[in-house]
Amino acid sequence: MDRQELKRRAHDLDVTVWVGKGGPEAVVDELNDQLANENLVKVKFLRAARAGGSTEEKARELAEAVNADLIETRGHTAVVHR
């Protein structure tokens, strides 16, 4: 599936993972579990999670941690695919 198709599919998804003050490391296990069941997951980065970095940086870090691809970031939301 190409990147454009993944973006289209992600449009209708609800956010199912929220990254808070614990940072991306705190949700690695949860995201891994969700990616095992669904190959596309939307992640929201709350204000506390973005301290000291951009959403793009944090999303890239999280995607690397779970061995997935970062499809896109919009605002403070990212879409991750495995």
PDB file of N, CA and C in Angstrom:
ATOM      1  N   MET A   1       0.853  -1.174   0.000  1.00  0.00           N
ATOM      2  CA  MET A   1       0.000   0.000   0.000  1.00  0.00           C
ATOM      3  C   MET A   1       0.904   1.244   0.000  1.00  0.00           C
ATOM      4  N   ASP A   2       0.602   2.203  -0.854  1.00  0.00           N
ATOM      5  CA  ASP A   2       1.450   3.388  -0.933  1.00  0.00           C
ATOM      6  C   ASP A   2       1.089   4.415   0.143  1.00  0.00           C
ATOM      7  N   ARG A   3       1.965   5.377   0.304  1.00  0.00           N
ATOM      8  CA  ARG A   3       1.853   6.395   1.351  1.00  0.00           C
ATOM      9  C   ARG A   3       0.542   7.188   1.236  1.00  0.00           C
ATOM     10  N   GLN A   4       0.146   7.547   0.027  1.00  0.00           N
ATOM     11  CA  GLN A   4      -1.092   8.306  -0.168  1.00  0.00           C
ATOM     12  C   GLN A   4      -2.317   7.508   0.294  1.00  0.00           C
ATOM     13  N   GLU A   5      -2.345   6.238  -0.019  1.00  0.00           N
ATOM     14  CA  GLU A   5      -3.457   5.382   0.408  1.00  0.00           C
ATOM     15  C   GLU A   5      -3.484   5.269   1.932  1.00  0.00           C
ATOM     16  N   LEU A   6      -2.319   5.140   2.552  1.00  0.00           N
ATOM     17  CA  LEU A   6      -2.257   5.070   4.014  1.00  0.00           C
ATOM     18  C   LEU A   6      -2.765   6.366   4.644  1.00  0.00           C
ATOM     19  N   LYS A   7      -2.418   7.494   4.055  1.00  0.00           N
ATOM     20  CA  LYS A   7      -2.911   8.785   4.565  1.00  0.00           C
ATOM     21  C   LYS A   7      -4.427   8.865   4.445  1.00  0.00           C
ATOM     22  N   ARG A   8      -4.962   8.384   3.332  1.00  0.00           N
ATOM     23  CA  ARG A   8      -6.424   8.378   3.147  1.00  0.00           C
ATOM     24  C   ARG A   8      -7.106   7.514   4.206  1.00  0.00           C
ATOM     25  N   ARG A   9      -6.544   6.340   4.430  1.00  0.00           N
ATOM     26  CA  ARG A   9      -7.129   5.435   5.437  1.00  0.00           C
ATOM     27  C   ARG A   9      -7.032   6.030   6.836  1.00  0.00           C
ATOM     28  N   ALA A  10      -5.933   6.719   7.118  1.00  0.00           N
ATOM     29  CA  ALA A  10      -5.713   7.295   8.449  1.00  0.00           C
ATOM     30  C   ALA A  10      -6.683   8.437   8.744  1.00  0.00           C
ATOM     31  N   HIS A  11      -7.176   9.084   7.711  1.00  0.00           N
ATOM     32  CA  HIS A  11      -8.060  10.233   7.899  1.00  0.00           C
ATOM     33  C   HIS A  11      -9.261   9.898   8.776  1.00  0.00           C
ATOM     34  N   ASP A  12      -9.841   8.739   8.606  1.00  0.00           N
ATOM     35  CA  ASP A  12     -11.035   8.355   9.356  1.00  0.00           C
ATOM     36  C   ASP A  12     -10.743   7.643  10.674  1.00  0.00           C
ATOM     37  N   LEU A  13      -9.477   7.417  10.976  1.00  0.00           N
ATOM     38  CA  LEU A  13      -9.126   6.744  12.228  1.00  0.00           C
ATOM     39  C   LEU A  13      -9.267   7.681  13.420  1.00  0.00           C
ATOM     40  N   ASP A  14      -9.588   7.109  14.555  1.00  0.00           N
ATOM     41  CA  ASP A  14      -9.580   7.857  15.816  1.00  0.00           C
ATOM     42  C   ASP A  14      -8.216   7.695  16.457  1.00  0.00           C
ATOM     43  N   VAL A  15      -7.839   8.667  17.273  1.00  0.00           N
ATOM     44  CA  VAL A  15      -6.602   8.565  18.040  1.00  0.00           C
ATOM     45  C   VAL A  15      -6.797   7.469  19.085  1.00  0.00           C
ATOM     46  N   THR A  16      -5.833   6.545  19.165  1.00  0.00           N
ATOM     47  CA  THR A  16      -5.944   5.464  20.143  1.00  0.00           C
ATOM     48  C   THR A  16      -4.756   5.426  21.102  1.00  0.00           C
ATOM     49  N   VAL A  17      -3.728   6.246  20.837  1.00  0.00           N
ATOM     50  CA  VAL A  17      -2.570   6.317  21.737  1.00  0.00           C
ATOM     51  C   VAL A  17      -2.305   7.792  22.028  1.00  0.00           C
ATOM     52  N   TRP A  18      -2.193   8.130  23.319  1.00  0.00           N
ATOM     53  CA  TRP A  18      -1.887   9.489  23.728  1.00  0.00           C
ATOM     54  C   TRP A  18      -0.549   9.500  24.435  1.00  0.00           C
ATOM     55  N   VAL A  19       0.344  10.368  23.993  1.00  0.00           N
ATOM     56  CA  VAL A  19       1.663  10.498  24.605  1.00  0.00           C
ATOM     57  C   VAL A  19       1.620  11.714  25.518  1.00  0.00           C
ATOM     58  N   GLY A  20       1.896  11.480  26.807  1.00  0.00           N
ATOM     59  CA  GLY A  20       1.860  12.557  27.797  1.00  0.00           C
ATOM     60  C   GLY A  20       3.233  12.878  28.342  1.00  0.00           C
ATOM     61  N   LYS A  21       3.266  13.278  29.616  1.00  0.00           N
ATOM     62  CA  LYS A  21       4.529  13.732  30.201  1.00  0.00           C
ATOM     63  C   LYS A  21       5.568  12.625  30.322  1.00  0.00           C
ATOM     64  N   GLY A  22       5.166  11.374  30.247  1.00  0.00           N
ATOM     65  CA  GLY A  22       6.122  10.267  30.286  1.00  0.00           C
ATOM     66  C   GLY A  22       6.910  10.149  28.995  1.00  0.00           C
ATOM     67  N   GLY A  23       6.469  10.868  27.968  1.00  0.00           N
ATOM     68  CA  GLY A  23       7.162  10.867  26.685  1.00  0.00           C
ATOM     69  C   GLY A  23       6.875   9.617  25.878  1.00  0.00           C
ATOM     70  N   PRO A  24       7.467   9.541  24.697  1.00  0.00           N
ATOM     71  CA  PRO A  24       7.219   8.406  23.810  1.00  0.00           C
ATOM     72  C   PRO A  24       7.585   7.053  24.422  1.00  0.00           C
ATOM     73  N   GLU A  25       8.606   7.028  25.268  1.00  0.00           N
ATOM     74  CA  GLU A  25       9.037   5.760  25.872  1.00  0.00           C
ATOM     75  C   GLU A  25       7.914   5.100  26.675  1.00  0.00           C
ATOM     76  N   ALA A  26       7.036   5.917  27.237  1.00  0.00           N
ATOM     77  CA  ALA A  26       5.970   5.397  28.095  1.00  0.00           C
ATOM     78  C   ALA A  26       4.877   4.652  27.325  1.00  0.00           C
ATOM     79  N   VAL A  27       4.794   4.848  26.016  1.00  0.00           N
ATOM     80  CA  VAL A  27       3.715   4.219  25.255  1.00  0.00           C
ATOM     81  C   VAL A  27       4.211   3.187  24.241  1.00  0.00           C
ATOM     82  N   VAL A  28       5.485   2.867  24.282  1.00  0.00           N
ATOM     83  CA  VAL A  28       6.062   1.929  23.312  1.00  0.00           C
ATOM     84  C   VAL A  28       5.339   0.586  23.344  1.00  0.00           C
ATOM     85  N   ASP A  29       5.133   0.013  24.519  1.00  0.00           N
ATOM     86  CA  ASP A  29       4.471  -1.292  24.618  1.00  0.00           C
ATOM     87  C   ASP A  29       3.037  -1.240  24.090  1.00  0.00           C
ATOM     88  N   GLU A  30       2.306  -0.196  24.466  1.00  0.00           N
ATOM     89  CA  GLU A  30       0.923  -0.051  24.012  1.00  0.00           C
ATOM     90  C   GLU A  30       0.861   0.088  22.490  1.00  0.00           C
ATOM     91  N   LEU A  31       1.742   0.897  21.930  1.00  0.00           N
ATOM     92  CA  LEU A  31       1.755   1.073  20.482  1.00  0.00           C
ATOM     93  C   LEU A  31       2.139  -0.223  19.776  1.00  0.00           C
ATOM     94  N   ASN A  32       3.092  -0.949  20.316  1.00  0.00           N
ATOM     95  CA  ASN A  32       3.463  -2.253  19.753  1.00  0.00           C
ATOM     96  C   ASN A  32       2.263  -3.186  19.710  1.00  0.00           C
ATOM     97  N   ASP A  33       1.524  -3.237  20.818  1.00  0.00           N
ATOM     98  CA  ASP A  33       0.336  -4.092  20.886  1.00  0.00           C
ATOM     99  C   ASP A  33      -0.698  -3.689  19.837  1.00  0.00           C
ATOM    100  N   GLN A  34      -0.933  -2.391  19.705  1.00  0.00           N
ATOM    101  CA  GLN A  34      -1.929  -1.930  18.741  1.00  0.00           C
ATOM    102  C   GLN A  34      -1.484  -2.188  17.309  1.00  0.00           C
ATOM    103  N   LEU A  35      -0.203  -2.004  17.039  1.00  0.00           N
ATOM    104  CA  LEU A  35       0.301  -2.258  15.686  1.00  0.00           C
ATOM    105  C   LEU A  35       0.270  -3.746  15.335  1.00  0.00           C
ATOM    106  N   ALA A  36       0.292  -4.598  16.341  1.00  0.00           N
ATOM    107  CA  ALA A  36       0.180  -6.038  16.090  1.00  0.00           C
ATOM    108  C   ALA A  36      -1.224  -6.390  15.600  1.00  0.00           C
ATOM    109  N   ASN A  37      -2.232  -5.629  16.060  1.00  0.00           N
ATOM    110  CA  ASN A  37      -3.623  -5.879  15.681  1.00  0.00           C
ATOM    111  C   ASN A  37      -4.071  -5.050  14.480  1.00  0.00           C
ATOM    112  N   GLU A  38      -3.616  -3.830  14.418  1.00  0.00           N
ATOM    113  CA  GLU A  38      -3.969  -2.895  13.341  1.00  0.00           C
ATOM    114  C   GLU A  38      -2.666  -2.396  12.751  1.00  0.00           C
ATOM    115  N   ASN A  39      -2.574  -2.290  11.452  1.00  0.00           N
ATOM    116  CA  ASN A  39      -1.300  -1.863  10.880  1.00  0.00           C
ATOM    117  C   ASN A  39      -1.170  -0.349  10.770  1.00  0.00           C
ATOM    118  N   LEU A  40      -2.194   0.389  11.182  1.00  0.00           N
ATOM    119  CA  LEU A  40      -2.196   1.842  11.107  1.00  0.00           C
ATOM    120  C   LEU A  40      -2.757   2.400  12.405  1.00  0.00           C
ATOM    121  N   VAL A  41      -1.986   3.244  13.093  1.00  0.00           N
ATOM    122  CA  VAL A  41      -2.400   3.764  14.396  1.00  0.00           C
ATOM    123  C   VAL A  41      -2.160   5.268  14.434  1.00  0.00           C
ATOM    124  N   LYS A  42      -3.133   5.991  15.003  1.00  0.00           N
ATOM    125  CA  LYS A  42      -3.011   7.432  15.170  1.00  0.00           C
ATOM    126  C   LYS A  42      -2.588   7.726  16.603  1.00  0.00           C
ATOM    127  N   VAL A  43      -1.586   8.607  16.742  1.00  0.00           N
ATOM    128  CA  VAL A  43      -1.002   8.935  18.046  1.00  0.00           C
ATOM    129  C   VAL A  43      -1.096  10.438  18.262  1.00  0.00           C
ATOM    130  N   LYS A  44      -1.581  10.855  19.430  1.00  0.00           N
ATOM    131  CA  LYS A  44      -1.692  12.273  19.781  1.00  0.00           C
ATOM    132  C   LYS A  44      -0.613  12.614  20.803  1.00  0.00           C
ATOM    133  N   PHE A  45       0.120  13.686  20.544  1.00  0.00           N
ATOM    134  CA  PHE A  45       1.158  14.149  21.458  1.00  0.00           C
ATOM    135  C   PHE A  45       0.622  15.333  22.249  1.00  0.00           C
ATOM    136  N   LEU A  46       0.393  15.109  23.544  1.00  0.00           N
ATOM    137  CA  LEU A  46      -0.112  16.163  24.411  1.00  0.00           C
ATOM    138  C   LEU A  46       0.993  17.182  24.692  1.00  0.00           C
ATOM    139  N   ARG A  47       0.626  18.348  25.186  1.00  0.00           N
ATOM    140  CA  ARG A  47       1.580  19.432  25.413  1.00  0.00           C
ATOM    141  C   ARG A  47       2.776  18.996  26.254  1.00  0.00           C
ATOM    142  N   ALA A  48       2.541  18.241  27.303  1.00  0.00           N
ATOM    143  CA  ALA A  48       3.630  17.805  28.192  1.00  0.00           C
ATOM    144  C   ALA A  48       4.644  16.927  27.460  1.00  0.00           C
ATOM    145  N   ALA A  49       4.199  16.198  26.468  1.00  0.00           N
ATOM    146  CA  ALA A  49       5.088  15.303  25.711  1.00  0.00           C
ATOM    147  C   ALA A  49       5.963  16.076  24.744  1.00  0.00           C
ATOM    148  N   ARG A  50       5.523  17.257  24.328  1.00  0.00           N
ATOM    149  CA  ARG A  50       6.255  18.021  23.324  1.00  0.00           C
ATOM    150  C   ARG A  50       7.304  18.934  23.912  1.00  0.00           C
ATOM    151  N   ALA A  51       7.408  19.004  25.223  1.00  0.00           N
ATOM    152  CA  ALA A  51       8.393  19.880  25.864  1.00  0.00           C
ATOM    153  C   ALA A  51       9.799  19.519  25.386  1.00  0.00           C
ATOM    154  N   GLY A  52      10.508  20.491  24.868  1.00  0.00           N
ATOM    155  CA  GLY A  52      11.880  20.258  24.448  1.00  0.00           C
ATOM    156  C   GLY A  52      12.026  19.661  23.070  1.00  0.00           C
ATOM    157  N   GLY A  53      10.969  19.614  22.279  1.00  0.00           N
ATOM    158  CA  GLY A  53      11.077  19.058  20.928  1.00  0.00           C
ATOM    159  C   GLY A  53       9.787  19.223  20.165  1.00  0.00           C
ATOM    160  N   SER A  54       9.866  19.008  18.873  1.00  0.00           N
ATOM    161  CA  SER A  54       8.674  19.138  18.025  1.00  0.00           C
ATOM    162  C   SER A  54       7.907  17.815  17.977  1.00  0.00           C
ATOM    163  N   THR A  55       6.675  17.893  17.543  1.00  0.00           N
ATOM    164  CA  THR A  55       5.868  16.689  17.368  1.00  0.00           C
ATOM    165  C   THR A  55       6.537  15.759  16.364  1.00  0.00           C
ATOM    166  N   GLU A  56       7.068  16.328  15.299  1.00  0.00           N
ATOM    167  CA  GLU A  56       7.737  15.536  14.257  1.00  0.00           C
ATOM    168  C   GLU A  56       8.897  14.735  14.852  1.00  0.00           C
ATOM    169  N   GLU A  57       9.731  15.389  15.670  1.00  0.00           N
ATOM    170  CA  GLU A  57      10.873  14.702  16.306  1.00  0.00           C
ATOM    171  C   GLU A  57      10.395  13.571  17.208  1.00  0.00           C
ATOM    172  N   LYS A  58       9.409  13.881  18.053  1.00  0.00           N
ATOM    173  CA  LYS A  58       8.888  12.887  18.995  1.00  0.00           C
ATOM    174  C   LYS A  58       8.235  11.719  18.256  1.00  0.00           C
ATOM    175  N   ALA A  59       7.518  12.011  17.183  1.00  0.00           N
ATOM    176  CA  ALA A  59       6.853  10.961  16.405  1.00  0.00           C
ATOM    177  C   ALA A  59       7.887  10.063  15.733  1.00  0.00           C
ATOM    178  N   ARG A  60       8.933  10.666  15.189  1.00  0.00           N
ATOM    179  CA  ARG A  60       9.986   9.875  14.550  1.00  0.00           C
ATOM    180  C   ARG A  60      10.649   8.953  15.577  1.00  0.00           C
ATOM    181  N   GLU A  61      10.914   9.500  16.754  1.00  0.00           N
ATOM    182  CA  GLU A  61      11.529   8.725  17.845  1.00  0.00           C
ATOM    183  C   GLU A  61      10.641   7.541  18.233  1.00  0.00           C
ATOM    184  N   LEU A  62       9.349   7.782  18.343  1.00  0.00           N
ATOM    185  CA  LEU A  62       8.412   6.720  18.713  1.00  0.00           C
ATOM    186  C   LEU A  62       8.325   5.660  17.619  1.00  0.00           C
ATOM    187  N   ALA A  63       8.250   6.075  16.372  1.00  0.00           N
ATOM    188  CA  ALA A  63       8.168   5.121  15.256  1.00  0.00           C
ATOM    189  C   ALA A  63       9.417   4.235  15.216  1.00  0.00           C
ATOM    190  N   GLU A  64      10.578   4.821  15.439  1.00  0.00           N
ATOM    191  CA  GLU A  64      11.826   4.032  15.486  1.00  0.00           C
ATOM    192  C   GLU A  64      11.784   3.013  16.615  1.00  0.00           C
ATOM    193  N   ALA A  65      11.271   3.432  17.769  1.00  0.00           N
ATOM    194  CA  ALA A  65      11.239   2.561  18.948  1.00  0.00           C
ATOM    195  C   ALA A  65      10.377   1.316  18.723  1.00  0.00           C
ATOM    196  N   VAL A  66       9.362   1.425  17.876  1.00  0.00           N
ATOM    197  CA  VAL A  66       8.480   0.283  17.635  1.00  0.00           C
ATOM    198  C   VAL A  66       8.722  -0.345  16.264  1.00  0.00           C
ATOM    199  N   ASN A  67       9.792   0.073  15.607  1.00  0.00           N
ATOM    200  CA  ASN A  67      10.167  -0.471  14.303  1.00  0.00           C
ATOM    201  C   ASN A  67       9.026  -0.319  13.289  1.00  0.00           C
ATOM    202  N   ALA A  68       8.523   0.914  13.193  1.00  0.00           N
ATOM    203  CA  ALA A  68       7.416   1.215  12.285  1.00  0.00           C
ATOM    204  C   ALA A  68       7.768   2.436  11.435  1.00  0.00           C
ATOM    205  N   ASP A  69       6.922   2.728  10.470  1.00  0.00           N
ATOM    206  CA  ASP A  69       7.108   3.887   9.605  1.00  0.00           C
ATOM    207  C   ASP A  69       6.211   5.024  10.059  1.00  0.00           C
ATOM    208  N   LEU A  70       6.776   6.218  10.068  1.00  0.00           N
ATOM    209  CA  LEU A  70       5.981   7.410  10.338  1.00  0.00           C
ATOM    210  C   LEU A  70       5.390   7.844   9.002  1.00  0.00           C
ATOM    211  N   ILE A  71       4.076   7.797   8.881  1.00  0.00           N
ATOM    212  CA  ILE A  71       3.406   8.132   7.629  1.00  0.00           C
ATOM    213  C   ILE A  71       3.239   9.636   7.494  1.00  0.00           C
ATOM    214  N   GLU A  72       2.772  10.288   8.555  1.00  0.00           N
ATOM    215  CA  GLU A  72       2.629  11.740   8.518  1.00  0.00           C
ATOM    216  C   GLU A  72       2.408  12.283   9.914  1.00  0.00           C
ATOM    217  N   THR A  73       2.650  13.582  10.051  1.00  0.00           N
ATOM    218  CA  THR A  73       2.262  14.295  11.258  1.00  0.00           C
ATOM    219  C   THR A  73       1.439  15.492  10.807  1.00  0.00           C
ATOM    220  N   ARG A  74       0.405  15.763  11.566  1.00  0.00           N
ATOM    221  CA  ARG A  74      -0.447  16.931  11.326  1.00  0.00           C
ATOM    222  C   ARG A  74      -0.757  17.542  12.661  1.00  0.00           C
ATOM    223  N   GLY A  75      -0.325  18.770  12.854  1.00  0.00           N
ATOM    224  CA  GLY A  75      -0.532  19.396  14.151  1.00  0.00           C
ATOM    225  C   GLY A  75       0.243  18.610  15.188  1.00  0.00           C
ATOM    226  N   HIS A  76      -0.465  18.075  16.151  1.00  0.00           N
ATOM    227  CA  HIS A  76       0.168  17.300  17.222  1.00  0.00           C
ATOM    228  C   HIS A  76      -0.221  15.830  17.163  1.00  0.00           C
ATOM    229  N   THR A  77      -0.617  15.387  15.972  1.00  0.00           N
ATOM    230  CA  THR A  77      -1.038  14.001  15.754  1.00  0.00           C
ATOM    231  C   THR A  77      -0.147  13.355  14.702  1.00  0.00           C
ATOM    232  N   ALA A  78       0.194  12.105  14.937  1.00  0.00           N
ATOM    233  CA  ALA A  78       1.030  11.364  13.993  1.00  0.00           C
ATOM    234  C   ALA A  78       0.323  10.061  13.610  1.00  0.00           C
ATOM    235  N   VAL A  79       0.663   9.571  12.431  1.00  0.00           N
ATOM    236  CA  VAL A  79       0.143   8.287  11.961  1.00  0.00           C
ATOM    237  C   VAL A  79       1.339   7.354  11.770  1.00  0.00           C
ATOM    238  N   VAL A  80       1.246   6.186  12.397  1.00  0.00           N
ATOM    239  CA  VAL A  80       2.326   5.202  12.366  1.00  0.00           C
ATOM    240  C   VAL A  80       1.827   3.926  11.708  1.00  0.00           C
ATOM    241  N   HIS A  81       2.668   3.311  10.884  1.00  0.00           N
ATOM    242  CA  HIS A  81       2.276   2.122  10.122  1.00  0.00           C
ATOM    243  C   HIS A  81       3.340   1.038  10.242  1.00  0.00           C
ATOM    244  N   ARG A  82       2.888  -0.185  10.355  1.00  0.00           N
ATOM    245  CA  ARG A  82       3.813  -1.329  10.325  1.00  0.00           C
ATOM    246  C   ARG A  82       3.263  -2.354   9.381  1.00  0.00           C
TER     247      ARG A  82
END
